[in-house]
PDB file of N, CA and C in Angstrom:
ATOM      1  N   MET A   1       0.825  -1.206   0.000  1.00  0.00           N
ATOM      2  CA  MET A   1       0.000   0.000   0.000  1.00  0.00           C
ATOM      3  C   MET A   1       0.863   1.262   0.000  1.00  0.00           C
ATOM      4  N   GLN A   2       2.093   1.150   0.497  1.00  0.00           N
ATOM      5  CA  GLN A   2       2.940   2.326   0.601  1.00  0.00           C
ATOM      6  C   GLN A   2       3.317   2.897  -0.761  1.00  0.00           C
ATOM      7  N   ASP A   3       3.278   2.082  -1.818  1.00  0.00           N
ATOM      8  CA  ASP A   3       3.630   2.550  -3.150  1.00  0.00           C
ATOM      9  C   ASP A   3       2.461   3.194  -3.895  1.00  0.00           C
ATOM     10  N   LEU A   4       1.286   3.192  -3.289  1.00  0.00           N
ATOM     11  CA  LEU A   4       0.107   3.752  -3.948  1.00  0.00           C
ATOM     12  C   LEU A   4       0.015   5.247  -3.678  1.00  0.00           C
ATOM     13  N   ASP A   5      -0.451   5.965  -4.680  1.00  0.00           N
ATOM     14  CA  ASP A   5      -0.646   7.395  -4.459  1.00  0.00           C
ATOM     15  C   ASP A   5      -1.993   7.642  -3.775  1.00  0.00           C
ATOM     16  N   ASP A   6      -2.201   8.855  -3.334  1.00  0.00           N
ATOM     17  CA  ASP A   6      -3.418   9.187  -2.576  1.00  0.00           C
ATOM     18  C   ASP A   6      -4.691   8.882  -3.356  1.00  0.00           C
ATOM     19  N   GLU A   7      -4.669   9.132  -4.647  1.00  0.00           N
ATOM     20  CA  GLU A   7      -5.843   8.879  -5.484  1.00  0.00           C
ATOM     21  C   GLU A   7      -6.201   7.395  -5.495  1.00  0.00           C
ATOM     22  N   ASP A   8      -5.181   6.532  -5.537  1.00  0.00           N
ATOM     23  CA  ASP A   8      -5.421   5.092  -5.503  1.00  0.00           C
ATOM     24  C   ASP A   8      -6.020   4.665  -4.162  1.00  0.00           C
ATOM     25  N   VAL A   9      -5.517   5.224  -3.083  1.00  0.00           N
ATOM     26  CA  VAL A   9      -6.014   4.881  -1.745  1.00  0.00           C
ATOM     27  C   VAL A   9      -7.474   5.303  -1.606  1.00  0.00           C
ATOM     28  N   VAL A  10      -7.814   6.478  -2.116  1.00  0.00           N
ATOM     29  CA  VAL A  10      -9.203   6.952  -2.071  1.00  0.00           C
ATOM     30  C   VAL A  10     -10.097   6.015  -2.881  1.00  0.00           C
ATOM     31  N   PHE A  11      -9.615   5.596  -4.054  1.00  0.00           N
ATOM     32  CA  PHE A  11     -10.384   4.674  -4.889  1.00  0.00           C
ATOM     33  C   PHE A  11     -10.651   3.367  -4.140  1.00  0.00           C
ATOM     34  N   ILE A  12      -9.613   2.830  -3.503  1.00  0.00           N
ATOM     35  CA  ILE A  12      -9.768   1.577  -2.742  1.00  0.00           C
ATOM     36  C   ILE A  12     -10.764   1.764  -1.608  1.00  0.00           C
ATOM     37  N   LYS A  13     -10.679   2.880  -0.913  1.00  0.00           N
ATOM     38  CA  LYS A  13     -11.610   3.148   0.192  1.00  0.00           C
ATOM     39  C   LYS A  13     -13.051   3.197  -0.320  1.00  0.00           C
ATOM     40  N   LYS A  14     -13.274   3.913  -1.430  1.00  0.00           N
ATOM     41  CA  LYS A  14     -14.626   3.990  -1.991  1.00  0.00           C
ATOM     42  C   LYS A  14     -15.106   2.617  -2.444  1.00  0.00           C
ATOM     43  N   PHE A  15     -14.196   1.846  -3.025  1.00  0.00           N
ATOM     44  CA  PHE A  15     -14.524   0.503  -3.489  1.00  0.00           C
ATOM     45  C   PHE A  15     -14.971  -0.376  -2.321  1.00  0.00           C
ATOM     46  N   LEU A  16     -14.243  -0.315  -1.233  1.00  0.00           N
ATOM     47  CA  LEU A  16     -14.599  -1.101  -0.049  1.00  0.00           C
ATOM     48  C   LEU A  16     -15.922  -0.638   0.549  1.00  0.00           C
ATOM     49  N   LEU A  17     -16.098   0.671   0.652  1.00  0.00           N
ATOM     50  CA  LEU A  17     -17.343   1.201   1.218  1.00  0.00           C
ATOM     51  C   LEU A  17     -18.555   0.895   0.347  1.00  0.00           C
ATOM     52  N   ALA A  18     -18.306   0.691  -0.951  1.00  0.00           N
ATOM     53  CA  ALA A  18     -19.386   0.324  -1.874  1.00  0.00           C
ATOM     54  C   ALA A  18     -19.545  -1.191  -1.951  1.00  0.00           C
ATOM     55  N   SER A  19     -18.927  -1.908  -1.019  1.00  0.00           N
ATOM     56  CA  SER A  19     -18.983  -3.377  -0.967  1.00  0.00           C
ATOM     57  C   SER A  19     -18.515  -4.020  -2.265  1.00  0.00           C
ATOM     58  N   GLY A  20     -17.557  -3.392  -2.915  1.00  0.00           N
ATOM     59  CA  GLY A  20     -17.000  -3.957  -4.136  1.00  0.00           C
ATOM     60  C   GLY A  20     -17.863  -3.792  -5.367  1.00  0.00           C
ATOM     61  N   SER A  21     -18.868  -2.944  -5.301  1.00  0.00           N
ATOM     62  CA  SER A  21     -19.758  -2.749  -6.446  1.00  0.00           C
ATOM     63  C   SER A  21     -19.126  -1.786  -7.457  1.00  0.00           C
ATOM     64  N   LEU A  22     -18.718  -2.327  -8.597  1.00  0.00           N
ATOM     65  CA  LEU A  22     -18.136  -1.486  -9.636  1.00  0.00           C
ATOM     66  C   LEU A  22     -19.175  -0.526 -10.217  1.00  0.00           C
ATOM     67  N   LYS A  23     -20.422  -0.973 -10.256  1.00  0.00           N
ATOM     68  CA  LYS A  23     -21.493  -0.088 -10.744  1.00  0.00           C
ATOM     69  C   LYS A  23     -21.640   1.130  -9.843  1.00  0.00           C
ATOM     70  N   GLU A  24     -21.549   0.915  -8.530  1.00  0.00           N
ATOM     71  CA  GLU A  24     -21.652   2.022  -7.580  1.00  0.00           C
ATOM     72  C   GLU A  24     -20.462   2.971  -7.727  1.00  0.00           C
ATOM     73  N   ILE A  25     -19.280   2.413  -7.899  1.00  0.00           N
ATOM     74  CA  ILE A  25     -18.087   3.245  -8.079  1.00  0.00           C
ATOM     75  C   ILE A  25     -18.206   4.045  -9.375  1.00  0.00           C
ATOM     76  N   ALA A  26     -18.693   3.417 -10.431  1.00  0.00           N
ATOM     77  CA  ALA A  26     -18.893   4.123 -11.697  1.00  0.00           C
ATOM     78  C   ALA A  26     -19.856   5.292 -11.504  1.00  0.00           C
ATOM     79  N   ARG A  27     -20.913   5.064 -10.725  1.00  0.00           N
ATOM     80  CA  ARG A  27     -21.869   6.136 -10.454  1.00  0.00           C
ATOM     81  C   ARG A  27     -21.198   7.268  -9.673  1.00  0.00           C
ATOM     82  N   GLN A  28     -20.412   6.921  -8.647  1.00  0.00           N
ATOM     83  CA  GLN A  28     -19.748   7.935  -7.829  1.00  0.00           C
ATOM     84  C   GLN A  28     -18.759   8.775  -8.633  1.00  0.00           C
ATOM     85  N   TYR A  29     -18.033   8.150  -9.532  1.00  0.00           N
ATOM     86  CA  TYR A  29     -17.050   8.864 -10.344  1.00  0.00           C
ATOM     87  C   TYR A  29     -17.654   9.427 -11.636  1.00  0.00           C
ATOM     88  N   ALA A  30     -18.903   9.112 -11.902  1.00  0.00           N
ATOM     89  CA  ALA A  30     -19.601   9.553 -13.117  1.00  0.00           C
ATOM     90  C   ALA A  30     -18.852   9.106 -14.383  1.00  0.00           C
ATOM     91  N   VAL A  31     -18.473   7.819 -14.373  1.00  0.00           N
ATOM     92  CA  VAL A  31     -17.813   7.217 -15.526  1.00  0.00           C
ATOM     93  C   VAL A  31     -18.515   5.901 -15.833  1.00  0.00           C
ATOM     94  N   THR A  32     -18.090   5.257 -16.912  1.00  0.00           N
ATOM     95  CA  THR A  32     -18.715   3.996 -17.293  1.00  0.00           C
ATOM     96  C   THR A  32     -18.126   2.832 -16.495  1.00  0.00           C
ATOM     97  N   TYR A  33     -18.868   1.745 -16.463  1.00  0.00           N
ATOM     98  CA  TYR A  33     -18.417   0.527 -15.800  1.00  0.00           C
ATOM     99  C   TYR A  33     -17.069   0.051 -16.349  1.00  0.00           C
ATOM    100  N   PRO A  34     -16.891   0.007 -17.700  1.00  0.00           N
ATOM    101  CA  PRO A  34     -15.590  -0.439 -18.228  1.00  0.00           C
ATOM    102  C   PRO A  34     -14.424   0.450 -17.792  1.00  0.00           C
ATOM    103  N   THR A  35     -14.676   1.724 -17.606  1.00  0.00           N
ATOM    104  CA  THR A  35     -13.627   2.639 -17.139  1.00  0.00           C
ATOM    105  C   THR A  35     -13.202   2.270 -15.724  1.00  0.00           C
ATOM    106  N   VAL A  36     -14.167   1.968 -14.876  1.00  0.00           N
ATOM    107  CA  VAL A  36     -13.865   1.567 -13.499  1.00  0.00           C
ATOM    108  C   VAL A  36     -13.153   0.218 -13.498  1.00  0.00           C
ATOM    109  N   ARG A  37     -13.610  -0.699 -14.326  1.00  0.00           N
ATOM    110  CA  ARG A  37     -12.977  -2.021 -14.414  1.00  0.00           C
ATOM    111  C   ARG A  37     -11.508  -1.883 -14.822  1.00  0.00           C
ATOM    112  N   LEU A  38     -11.240  -1.020 -15.805  1.00  0.00           N
ATOM    113  CA  LEU A  38      -9.874  -0.793 -16.266  1.00  0.00           C
ATOM    114  C   LEU A  38      -9.013  -0.200 -15.154  1.00  0.00           C
ATOM    115  N   ARG A  39      -9.567   0.755 -14.436  1.00  0.00           N
ATOM    116  CA  ARG A  39      -8.815   1.356 -13.327  1.00  0.00           C
ATOM    117  C   ARG A  39      -8.517   0.322 -12.237  1.00  0.00           C
ATOM    118  N   LEU A  40      -9.494  -0.506 -11.934  1.00  0.00           N
ATOM    119  CA  LEU A  40      -9.285  -1.553 -10.933  1.00  0.00           C
ATOM    120  C   LEU A  40      -8.227  -2.547 -11.404  1.00  0.00           C
ATOM    121  N   ASP A  41      -8.265  -2.920 -12.678  1.00  0.00           N
ATOM    122  CA  ASP A  41      -7.262  -3.839 -13.223  1.00  0.00           C
ATOM    123  C   ASP A  41      -5.856  -3.249 -13.111  1.00  0.00           C
ATOM    124  N   LYS A  42      -5.713  -1.962 -13.432  1.00  0.00           N
ATOM    125  CA  LYS A  42      -4.406  -1.302 -13.325  1.00  0.00           C
ATOM    126  C   LYS A  42      -3.942  -1.233 -11.874  1.00  0.00           C
ATOM    127  N   LEU A  43      -4.870  -0.995 -10.986  1.00  0.00           N
ATOM    128  CA  LEU A  43      -4.545  -0.947  -9.560  1.00  0.00           C
ATOM    129  C   LEU A  43      -4.092  -2.318  -9.061  1.00  0.00           C
ATOM    130  N   ILE A  44      -4.762  -3.364  -9.506  1.00  0.00           N
ATOM    131  CA  ILE A  44      -4.371  -4.731  -9.145  1.00  0.00           C
ATOM    132  C   ILE A  44      -2.956  -5.016  -9.660  1.00  0.00           C
ATOM    133  N   GLN A  45      -2.672  -4.619 -10.892  1.00  0.00           N
ATOM    134  CA  GLN A  45      -1.331  -4.808 -11.442  1.00  0.00           C
ATOM    135  C   GLN A  45      -0.290  -4.046 -10.623  1.00  0.00           C
ATOM    136  N   LYS A  46      -0.625  -2.816 -10.270  1.00  0.00           N
ATOM    137  CA  LYS A  46       0.293  -1.988  -9.490  1.00  0.00           C
ATOM    138  C   LYS A  46       0.602  -2.641  -8.147  1.00  0.00           C
ATOM    139  N   ILE A  47      -0.424  -3.151  -7.497  1.00  0.00           N
ATOM    140  CA  ILE A  47      -0.225  -3.797  -6.193  1.00  0.00           C
ATOM    141  C   ILE A  47       0.570  -5.093  -6.350  1.00  0.00           C
ATOM    142  N   SER A  48       0.242  -5.885  -7.351  1.00  0.00           N
ATOM    143  CA  SER A  48       0.922  -7.174  -7.508  1.00  0.00           C
ATOM    144  C   SER A  48       2.388  -6.997  -7.854  1.00  0.00           C
ATOM    145  N   ILE A  49       2.721  -6.015  -8.678  1.00  0.00           N
ATOM    146  CA  ILE A  49       4.129  -5.828  -9.034  1.00  0.00           C
ATOM    147  C   ILE A  49       4.919  -5.233  -7.879  1.00  0.00           C
ATOM    148  N   SER A  50       4.317  -4.395  -7.078  1.00  0.00           N
ATOM    149  CA  SER A  50       5.054  -3.810  -5.959  1.00  0.00           C
ATOM    150  C   SER A  50       5.132  -4.767  -4.779  1.00  0.00           C
ATOM    151  N   ASP A  51       4.268  -5.798  -4.740  1.00  0.00           N
ATOM    152  CA  ASP A  51       4.333  -6.800  -3.673  1.00  0.00           C
ATOM    153  C   ASP A  51       5.456  -7.804  -3.889  1.00  0.00           C
ATOM    154  N   ASP A  52       5.957  -7.897  -5.109  1.00  0.00           N
ATOM    155  CA  ASP A  52       7.038  -8.830  -5.423  1.00  0.00           C
ATOM    156  C   ASP A  52       8.365  -8.160  -5.076  1.00  0.00           C
ATOM    157  N   PHE A  53       8.717  -8.192  -3.786  1.00  0.00           N
ATOM    158  CA  PHE A  53       9.901  -7.496  -3.294  1.00  0.00           C
ATOM    159  C   PHE A  53      11.176  -8.112  -3.837  1.00  0.00           C
ATOM    160  N   SER A  54      12.156  -7.269  -4.058  1.00  0.00           N
ATOM    161  CA  SER A  54      13.447  -7.729  -4.530  1.00  0.00           C
ATOM    162  C   SER A  54      14.525  -6.764  -4.074  1.00  0.00           C
ATOM    163  N   ASN A  55      15.685  -7.311  -3.760  1.00  0.00           N
ATOM    164  CA  ASN A  55      16.824  -6.480  -3.387  1.00  0.00           C
ATOM    165  C   ASN A  55      17.666  -6.123  -4.596  1.00  0.00           C
ATOM    166  N   GLU A  56      17.298  -6.640  -5.752  1.00  0.00           N
ATOM    167  CA  GLU A  56      18.059  -6.377  -6.962  1.00  0.00           C
ATOM    168  C   GLU A  56      17.734  -4.973  -7.482  1.00  0.00           C
ATOM    169  N   PRO A  57      18.747  -4.123  -7.624  1.00  0.00           N
ATOM    170  CA  PRO A  57      18.516  -2.736  -8.061  1.00  0.00           C
ATOM    171  C   PRO A  57      17.797  -2.618  -9.404  1.00  0.00           C
ATOM    172  N   TYR A  58      18.127  -3.490 -10.363  1.00  0.00           N
ATOM    173  CA  TYR A  58      17.477  -3.429 -11.669  1.00  0.00           C
ATOM    174  C   TYR A  58      15.987  -3.711 -11.557  1.00  0.00           C
ATOM    175  N   VAL A  59      15.654  -4.748 -10.812  1.00  0.00           N
ATOM    176  CA  VAL A  59      14.244  -5.120 -10.631  1.00  0.00           C
ATOM    177  C   VAL A  59      13.503  -4.002  -9.901  1.00  0.00           C
ATOM    178  N   ALA A  60      14.129  -3.427  -8.884  1.00  0.00           N
ATOM    179  CA  ALA A  60      13.516  -2.323  -8.146  1.00  0.00           C
ATOM    180  C   ALA A  60      13.262  -1.134  -9.068  1.00  0.00           C
ATOM    181  N   LEU A  61      14.212  -0.843  -9.959  1.00  0.00           N
ATOM    182  CA  LEU A  61      14.041   0.257 -10.915  1.00  0.00           C
ATOM    183  C   LEU A  61      12.861  -0.004 -11.838  1.00  0.00           C
ATOM    184  N   ILE A  62      12.783  -1.203 -12.378  1.00  0.00           N
ATOM    185  CA  ILE A  62      11.678  -1.540 -13.283  1.00  0.00           C
ATOM    186  C   ILE A  62      10.338  -1.402 -12.567  1.00  0.00           C
ATOM    187  N   LYS A  63      10.279  -1.855 -11.316  1.00  0.00           N
ATOM    188  CA  LYS A  63       9.035  -1.756 -10.543  1.00  0.00           C
ATOM    189  C   LYS A  63       8.660  -0.295 -10.295  1.00  0.00           C
ATOM    190  N   ARG A  64       9.650   0.530  -9.958  1.00  0.00           N
ATOM    191  CA  ARG A  64       9.362   1.958  -9.748  1.00  0.00           C
ATOM    192  C   ARG A  64       8.844   2.599 -11.023  1.00  0.00           C
ATOM    193  N   LEU A  65       9.420   2.245 -12.161  1.00  0.00           N
ATOM    194  CA  LEU A  65       8.949   2.783 -13.438  1.00  0.00           C
ATOM    195  C   LEU A  65       7.509   2.355 -13.727  1.00  0.00           C
ATOM    196  N   ALA A  66       7.196   1.114 -13.421  1.00  0.00           N
ATOM    197  CA  ALA A  66       5.836   0.617 -13.667  1.00  0.00           C
ATOM    198  C   ALA A  66       4.836   1.267 -12.722  1.00  0.00           C
ATOM    199  N   VAL A  67       5.183   1.339 -11.442  1.00  0.00           N
ATOM    200  CA  VAL A  67       4.273   1.948 -10.472  1.00  0.00           C
ATOM    201  C   VAL A  67       4.075   3.429 -10.786  1.00  0.00           C
ATOM    202  N   GLY A  68       5.128   4.089 -11.257  1.00  0.00           N
ATOM    203  CA  GLY A  68       5.038   5.496 -11.636  1.00  0.00           C
ATOM    204  C   GLY A  68       4.463   5.714 -13.029  1.00  0.00           C
ATOM    205  N   GLU A  69       4.027   4.626 -13.666  1.00  0.00           N
ATOM    206  CA  GLU A  69       3.400   4.647 -14.987  1.00  0.00           C
ATOM    207  C   GLU A  69       4.309   5.210 -16.071  1.00  0.00           C
ATOM    208  N   LYS A  70       5.626   5.001 -15.925  1.00  0.00           N
ATOM    209  CA  LYS A  70       6.580   5.377 -16.966  1.00  0.00           C
ATOM    210  C   LYS A  70       6.654   4.278 -18.024  1.00  0.00           C
ATOM    211  N   ILE A  71       6.431   3.020 -17.589  1.00  0.00           N
ATOM    212  CA  ILE A  71       6.298   1.888 -18.507  1.00  0.00           C
ATOM    213  C   ILE A  71       5.071   1.094 -18.065  1.00  0.00           C
ATOM    214  N   ASP A  72       4.493   0.329 -18.990  1.00  0.00           N
ATOM    215  CA  ASP A  72       3.298  -0.425 -18.596  1.00  0.00           C
ATOM    216  C   ASP A  72       3.690  -1.699 -17.845  1.00  0.00           C
ATOM    217  N   PHE A  73       2.728  -2.254 -17.137  1.00  0.00           N
ATOM    218  CA  PHE A  73       2.981  -3.401 -16.270  1.00  0.00           C
ATOM    219  C   PHE A  73       3.375  -4.644 -17.055  1.00  0.00           C
ATOM    220  N   GLY A  74       2.806  -4.815 -18.226  1.00  0.00           N
ATOM    221  CA  GLY A  74       3.173  -5.967 -19.049  1.00  0.00           C
ATOM    222  C   GLY A  74       4.639  -5.920 -19.437  1.00  0.00           C
ATOM    223  N   ALA A  75       5.107  -4.751 -19.851  1.00  0.00           N
ATOM    224  CA  ALA A  75       6.515  -4.592 -20.214  1.00  0.00           C
ATOM    225  C   ALA A  75       7.406  -4.817 -19.000  1.00  0.00           C
ATOM    226  N   ALA A  76       6.989  -4.320 -17.838  1.00  0.00           N
ATOM    227  CA  ALA A  76       7.774  -4.502 -16.615  1.00  0.00           C
ATOM    228  C   ALA A  76       7.929  -5.978 -16.285  1.00  0.00           C
ATOM    229  N   LYS A  77       6.843  -6.730 -16.389  1.00  0.00           N
ATOM    230  CA  LYS A  77       6.899  -8.162 -16.089  1.00  0.00           C
ATOM    231  C   LYS A  77       7.831  -8.884 -17.057  1.00  0.00           C
ATOM    232  N   ILE A  78       7.779  -8.517 -18.330  1.00  0.00           N
ATOM    233  CA  ILE A  78       8.651  -9.141 -19.328  1.00  0.00           C
ATOM    234  C   ILE A  78      10.113  -8.826 -19.033  1.00  0.00           C
ATOM    235  N   LEU A  79      10.420  -7.560 -18.746  1.00  0.00           N
ATOM    236  CA  LEU A  79      11.796  -7.167 -18.449  1.00  0.00           C
ATOM    237  C   LEU A  79      12.338  -7.894 -17.218  1.00  0.00           C
ATOM    238  N   ILE A  80      11.530  -7.972 -16.177  1.00  0.00           N
ATOM    239  CA  ILE A  80      11.963  -8.651 -14.945  1.00  0.00           C
ATOM    240  C   ILE A  80      12.156 -10.141 -15.201  1.00  0.00           C
ATOM    241  N   ALA A  81      11.239 -10.762 -15.921  1.00  0.00           N
ATOM    242  CA  ALA A  81      11.350 -12.200 -16.209  1.00  0.00           C
ATOM    243  C   ALA A  81      12.604 -12.492 -17.034  1.00  0.00           C
ATOM    244  N   GLU A  82      12.868 -11.678 -18.038  1.00  0.00           N
ATOM    245  CA  GLU A  82      14.052 -11.880 -18.872  1.00  0.00           C
ATOM    246  C   GLU A  82      15.330 -11.654 -18.071  1.00  0.00           C
ATOM    247  N   TYR A  83      15.325 -10.654 -17.236  1.00  0.00           N
ATOM    248  CA  TYR A  83      16.477 -10.371 -16.379  1.00  0.00           C
ATOM    249  C   TYR A  83      16.779 -11.563 -15.473  1.00  0.00           C
ATOM    250  N   ARG A  84      15.737 -12.089 -14.865  1.00  0.00           N
ATOM    251  CA  ARG A  84      15.915 -13.241 -13.968  1.00  0.00           C
ATOM    252  C   ARG A  84      16.324 -14.491 -14.745  1.00  0.00           C
ATOM    253  N   LYS A  85      15.782 -14.649 -15.963  1.00  0.00           N
ATOM    254  CA  LYS A  85      16.137 -15.801 -16.790  1.00  0.00           C
ATOM    255  C   LYS A  85      17.631 -15.771 -17.152  1.00  0.00           C
ATOM    256  N   LEU A  86      18.149 -14.571 -17.316  1.00  0.00           N
ATOM    257  CA  LEU A  86      19.568 -14.406 -17.662  1.00  0.00           C
ATOM    258  C   LEU A  86      20.488 -14.456 -16.449  1.00  0.00           C
ATOM    259  N   GLY A  87      19.919 -14.687 -15.289  1.00  0.00           N
ATOM    260  CA  GLY A  87      20.733 -14.854 -14.088  1.00  0.00           C
ATOM    261  C   GLY A  87      20.778 -13.654 -13.182  1.00  0.00           C
ATOM    262  N   GLY A  88      19.892 -12.711 -13.358  1.00  0.00           N
ATOM    263  CA  GLY A  88      19.836 -11.567 -12.456  1.00  0.00           C
ATOM    264  C   GLY A  88      21.094 -10.736 -12.488  1.00  0.00           C
ATOM    265  N   ASP A  89      21.553 -10.321 -11.316  1.00  0.00           N
ATOM    266  CA  ASP A  89      22.700  -9.431 -11.278  1.00  0.00           C
ATOM    267  C   ASP A  89      24.000 -10.163 -10.954  1.00  0.00           C
ATOM    268  N   ARG A  90      24.049 -11.459 -11.277  1.00  0.00           N
ATOM    269  CA  ARG A  90      25.299 -12.201 -11.080  1.00  0.00           C
ATOM    270  C   ARG A  90      26.366 -11.634 -11.991  1.00  0.00           C
ATOM    271  N   LYS A  91      27.553 -11.581 -11.490  1.00  0.00           N
ATOM    272  CA  LYS A  91      28.669 -11.033 -12.279  1.00  0.00           C
ATOM    273  C   LYS A  91      29.550 -12.158 -12.756  1.00  0.00           C
TER     274      LYS A  91
END
């Protein structure tokens, strides 16, 4: 949760208070259901990638870029997987 910005935390709070109803969240934000679904999917990706802790500086950099929306989560996962497949930061 520490990697989430204030807007994400507010969204999660509203989601919980709405008992997980995406329709209710869509009504509150005055957007469509698919828009809320997309935001929730991105939030899930953000949480899942930041929960995969690593002491490797390269992996940490990729995660920061993804959480900061500098690169998309799919690209981040591919970069991390390839890095690990190649042996990580072994010299």
